[in-house]
Amino acid sequence: MVTLVEKRARWADGGGPADLTEHAFAQLRYGIDGMWTLYYWSAEQSRWRKYPESLRKNSPVQLLADIDSSADGGYFESWLGAH
């Protein structure tokens, strides 16, 4: 399993970075069948869920492409589109 994490500097009142915040937003999971599946964090349900627009793939690199392509209107846009 691979977990993708966003790290951002949290700014202090004095105008400089105070510390880093971290938020896991995606997981690439390897199954016993040799296939990879993309999951996303569901805050509403407080658990990981399969990403519905992604099919199981034989390479995690293909799932990264699914994340990248969703940055123009899909779930992952909030993580990738703002950067």
N, C-alpha and C. Protein backbone atom coordinates (compact mmCIF):
# COMPACT_ATOMS: atom_id res chain seq x y z
N MET A 1 0.85 -1.17 0.00
CA MET A 1 0.00 0.00 0.00
C MET A 1 0.90 1.24 0.00
N VAL A 2 0.49 2.22 -0.78
CA VAL A 2 1.17 3.51 -0.85
C VAL A 2 0.14 4.58 -0.49
N THR A 3 0.49 5.45 0.45
CA THR A 3 -0.40 6.54 0.84
C THR A 3 0.19 7.86 0.37
N LEU A 4 -0.60 8.64 -0.36
CA LEU A 4 -0.17 9.96 -0.83
C LEU A 4 -0.63 11.00 0.19
N VAL A 5 0.30 11.87 0.57
CA VAL A 5 0.06 12.84 1.63
C VAL A 5 0.36 14.24 1.11
N GLU A 6 -0.53 15.18 1.41
CA GLU A 6 -0.29 16.58 1.11
C GLU A 6 0.34 17.20 2.35
N LYS A 7 1.43 17.96 2.13
CA LYS A 7 2.06 18.71 3.22
C LYS A 7 2.03 20.18 2.86
N ARG A 8 1.59 21.00 3.81
CA ARG A 8 1.54 22.45 3.62
C ARG A 8 2.10 23.15 4.84
N ALA A 9 2.70 24.28 4.60
CA ALA A 9 3.16 25.11 5.72
C ALA A 9 1.96 25.84 6.31
N ARG A 10 1.85 25.78 7.60
CA ARG A 10 0.82 26.54 8.30
C ARG A 10 1.47 27.84 8.74
N TRP A 11 0.86 28.95 8.39
CA TRP A 11 1.46 30.24 8.68
C TRP A 11 1.04 30.75 10.04
N ALA A 12 2.02 31.24 10.77
CA ALA A 12 1.77 31.81 12.09
C ALA A 12 1.29 33.25 11.94
N ASP A 13 0.77 33.81 13.01
CA ASP A 13 0.29 35.19 12.99
C ASP A 13 1.39 36.18 12.64
N GLY A 14 2.65 35.82 12.91
CA GLY A 14 3.76 36.71 12.63
C GLY A 14 4.15 36.75 11.16
N GLY A 15 3.52 35.96 10.30
CA GLY A 15 3.76 36.01 8.87
C GLY A 15 4.70 34.95 8.33
N GLY A 16 5.26 34.11 9.17
CA GLY A 16 6.17 33.07 8.69
C GLY A 16 5.58 31.69 8.92
N PRO A 17 6.18 30.67 8.30
CA PRO A 17 5.67 29.31 8.50
C PRO A 17 5.90 28.84 9.93
N ALA A 18 4.86 28.34 10.57
CA ALA A 18 4.95 27.87 11.95
C ALA A 18 5.31 26.38 11.99
N ASP A 19 4.64 25.60 11.18
CA ASP A 19 4.89 24.16 11.11
C ASP A 19 4.21 23.61 9.87
N LEU A 20 4.31 22.31 9.68
CA LEU A 20 3.69 21.67 8.53
C LEU A 20 2.42 20.95 8.94
N THR A 21 1.42 21.00 8.08
CA THR A 21 0.23 20.18 8.26
C THR A 21 0.30 19.05 7.24
N GLU A 22 -0.25 17.92 7.59
CA GLU A 22 -0.26 16.76 6.70
C GLU A 22 -1.68 16.23 6.59
N HIS A 23 -2.04 15.81 5.37
CA HIS A 23 -3.34 15.20 5.15
C HIS A 23 -3.22 14.13 4.08
N ALA A 24 -3.52 12.90 4.45
CA ALA A 24 -3.52 11.80 3.48
C ALA A 24 -4.75 11.95 2.60
N PHE A 25 -4.58 11.87 1.27
CA PHE A 25 -5.72 12.06 0.38
C PHE A 25 -5.95 10.92 -0.60
N ALA A 26 -4.99 10.01 -0.74
CA ALA A 26 -5.18 8.89 -1.66
C ALA A 26 -4.33 7.71 -1.21
N GLN A 27 -4.81 6.51 -1.55
CA GLN A 27 -4.03 5.30 -1.33
C GLN A 27 -4.05 4.47 -2.59
N LEU A 28 -2.91 3.86 -2.88
CA LEU A 28 -2.79 2.89 -3.96
C LEU A 28 -2.58 1.55 -3.27
N ARG A 29 -3.52 0.64 -3.44
CA ARG A 29 -3.46 -0.63 -2.73
C ARG A 29 -3.21 -1.79 -3.69
N TYR A 30 -2.29 -2.64 -3.29
CA TYR A 30 -1.93 -3.83 -4.08
C TYR A 30 -2.70 -5.02 -3.54
N GLY A 31 -3.45 -5.70 -4.42
CA GLY A 31 -4.26 -6.84 -4.00
C GLY A 31 -3.55 -8.16 -4.19
N ILE A 32 -4.11 -9.20 -3.62
CA ILE A 32 -3.52 -10.53 -3.73
C ILE A 32 -3.57 -11.06 -5.17
N ASP A 33 -4.40 -10.43 -6.00
CA ASP A 33 -4.50 -10.82 -7.40
C ASP A 33 -3.46 -10.12 -8.28
N GLY A 34 -2.59 -9.28 -7.67
CA GLY A 34 -1.56 -8.59 -8.42
C GLY A 34 -2.02 -7.30 -9.08
N MET A 35 -3.22 -6.84 -8.73
CA MET A 35 -3.76 -5.60 -9.31
C MET A 35 -3.75 -4.49 -8.25
N TRP A 36 -3.64 -3.25 -8.74
CA TRP A 36 -3.64 -2.06 -7.89
C TRP A 36 -4.99 -1.37 -7.96
N THR A 37 -5.44 -0.82 -6.82
CA THR A 37 -6.72 -0.12 -6.73
C THR A 37 -6.50 1.23 -6.07
N LEU A 38 -7.22 2.25 -6.56
CA LEU A 38 -7.12 3.60 -6.03
C LEU A 38 -8.23 3.84 -5.02
N TYR A 39 -7.85 4.38 -3.86
CA TYR A 39 -8.79 4.73 -2.80
C TYR A 39 -8.65 6.22 -2.48
N TYR A 40 -9.71 6.81 -1.97
CA TYR A 40 -9.68 8.21 -1.53
C TYR A 40 -10.23 8.28 -0.11
N TRP A 41 -9.85 9.35 0.61
CA TRP A 41 -10.31 9.52 1.98
C TRP A 41 -11.69 10.16 1.98
N SER A 42 -12.65 9.51 2.61
CA SER A 42 -14.00 10.02 2.74
C SER A 42 -14.17 10.60 4.14
N ALA A 43 -14.13 11.93 4.23
CA ALA A 43 -14.29 12.58 5.53
C ALA A 43 -15.67 12.32 6.11
N GLU A 44 -16.68 12.24 5.24
CA GLU A 44 -18.04 12.02 5.71
C GLU A 44 -18.17 10.68 6.43
N GLN A 45 -17.46 9.66 5.92
CA GLN A 45 -17.57 8.33 6.50
C GLN A 45 -16.36 7.96 7.36
N SER A 46 -15.38 8.85 7.41
CA SER A 46 -14.16 8.63 8.19
C SER A 46 -13.48 7.31 7.85
N ARG A 47 -13.36 7.06 6.54
CA ARG A 47 -12.67 5.84 6.10
C ARG A 47 -12.26 5.98 4.64
N TRP A 48 -11.41 5.06 4.21
CA TRP A 48 -10.98 5.01 2.82
C TRP A 48 -12.05 4.33 1.98
N ARG A 49 -12.28 4.86 0.78
CA ARG A 49 -13.26 4.27 -0.16
C ARG A 49 -12.62 4.11 -1.53
N LYS A 50 -13.07 3.12 -2.28
CA LYS A 50 -12.58 2.96 -3.65
C LYS A 50 -13.00 4.16 -4.48
N TYR A 51 -12.07 4.65 -5.30
CA TYR A 51 -12.37 5.79 -6.16
C TYR A 51 -13.17 5.27 -7.36
N PRO A 52 -14.42 5.71 -7.52
CA PRO A 52 -15.32 5.11 -8.51
C PRO A 52 -14.91 5.33 -9.97
N GLU A 53 -14.19 6.41 -10.27
CA GLU A 53 -13.82 6.68 -11.66
C GLU A 53 -12.56 5.94 -12.10
N SER A 54 -12.00 5.12 -11.22
CA SER A 54 -10.76 4.43 -11.53
C SER A 54 -10.99 2.92 -11.54
N LEU A 55 -10.42 2.27 -12.53
CA LEU A 55 -10.48 0.81 -12.60
C LEU A 55 -9.20 0.24 -12.00
N ARG A 56 -9.26 -1.04 -11.62
CA ARG A 56 -8.06 -1.70 -11.11
C ARG A 56 -7.03 -1.78 -12.23
N LYS A 57 -5.77 -1.58 -11.87
CA LYS A 57 -4.70 -1.55 -12.87
C LYS A 57 -3.58 -2.49 -12.44
N ASN A 58 -2.75 -2.87 -13.42
CA ASN A 58 -1.63 -3.75 -13.08
C ASN A 58 -0.37 -2.96 -12.69
N SER A 59 -0.45 -1.63 -12.66
CA SER A 59 0.67 -0.79 -12.28
C SER A 59 0.18 0.40 -11.46
N PRO A 60 0.88 0.76 -10.38
CA PRO A 60 0.46 1.93 -9.61
C PRO A 60 0.65 3.22 -10.40
N VAL A 61 1.54 3.22 -11.37
CA VAL A 61 1.77 4.42 -12.20
C VAL A 61 0.49 4.79 -12.95
N GLN A 62 -0.24 3.80 -13.41
CA GLN A 62 -1.50 4.07 -14.12
C GLN A 62 -2.52 4.73 -13.19
N LEU A 63 -2.51 4.38 -11.91
CA LEU A 63 -3.42 5.01 -10.95
C LEU A 63 -3.03 6.45 -10.69
N LEU A 64 -1.73 6.74 -10.70
CA LEU A 64 -1.29 8.13 -10.57
C LEU A 64 -1.83 8.97 -11.72
N ALA A 65 -1.91 8.39 -12.91
CA ALA A 65 -2.49 9.09 -14.06
C ALA A 65 -3.97 9.36 -13.83
N ASP A 66 -4.68 8.44 -13.17
CA ASP A 66 -6.09 8.67 -12.85
C ASP A 66 -6.23 9.85 -11.89
N ILE A 67 -5.34 9.94 -10.92
CA ILE A 67 -5.37 11.06 -9.98
C ILE A 67 -5.11 12.36 -10.72
N ASP A 68 -4.11 12.35 -11.58
CA ASP A 68 -3.74 13.56 -12.33
C ASP A 68 -4.88 14.01 -13.25
N SER A 69 -5.53 13.07 -13.90
CA SER A 69 -6.61 13.45 -14.82
C SER A 69 -7.84 13.94 -14.09
N SER A 70 -8.01 13.58 -12.83
CA SER A 70 -9.17 14.05 -12.08
C SER A 70 -8.96 15.45 -11.53
N ALA A 71 -7.76 16.00 -11.71
CA ALA A 71 -7.46 17.34 -11.17
C ALA A 71 -8.17 18.44 -11.95
N ASP A 72 -8.93 18.09 -12.96
CA ASP A 72 -9.67 19.11 -13.71
C ASP A 72 -11.18 18.97 -13.50
N GLY A 73 -11.58 18.63 -12.29
CA GLY A 73 -12.99 18.58 -11.98
C GLY A 73 -13.40 17.42 -11.11
N GLY A 74 -12.51 16.47 -10.86
CA GLY A 74 -12.86 15.34 -10.02
C GLY A 74 -12.50 15.56 -8.57
N TYR A 75 -12.60 14.51 -7.80
CA TYR A 75 -12.34 14.57 -6.36
C TYR A 75 -10.96 15.14 -6.05
N PHE A 76 -9.94 14.73 -6.77
CA PHE A 76 -8.58 15.11 -6.45
C PHE A 76 -8.25 16.53 -6.87
N GLU A 77 -9.16 17.23 -7.51
CA GLU A 77 -8.92 18.62 -7.89
C GLU A 77 -8.62 19.48 -6.66
N SER A 78 -9.30 19.20 -5.56
CA SER A 78 -9.08 20.00 -4.35
C SER A 78 -7.66 19.85 -3.83
N TRP A 79 -7.01 18.73 -4.15
CA TRP A 79 -5.64 18.52 -3.69
C TRP A 79 -4.63 18.97 -4.73
N LEU A 80 -4.90 18.68 -5.99
CA LEU A 80 -3.91 18.95 -7.04
C LEU A 80 -4.17 20.22 -7.82
N GLY A 81 -5.42 20.61 -7.95
CA GLY A 81 -5.75 21.79 -8.77
C GLY A 81 -5.36 23.09 -8.13
N ALA A 82 -5.23 23.12 -6.83
CA ALA A 82 -4.93 24.37 -6.13
C ALA A 82 -3.43 24.62 -6.01
N HIS A 83 -2.61 23.71 -6.53
CA HIS A 83 -1.16 23.86 -6.35
C HIS A 83 -0.47 24.18 -7.63
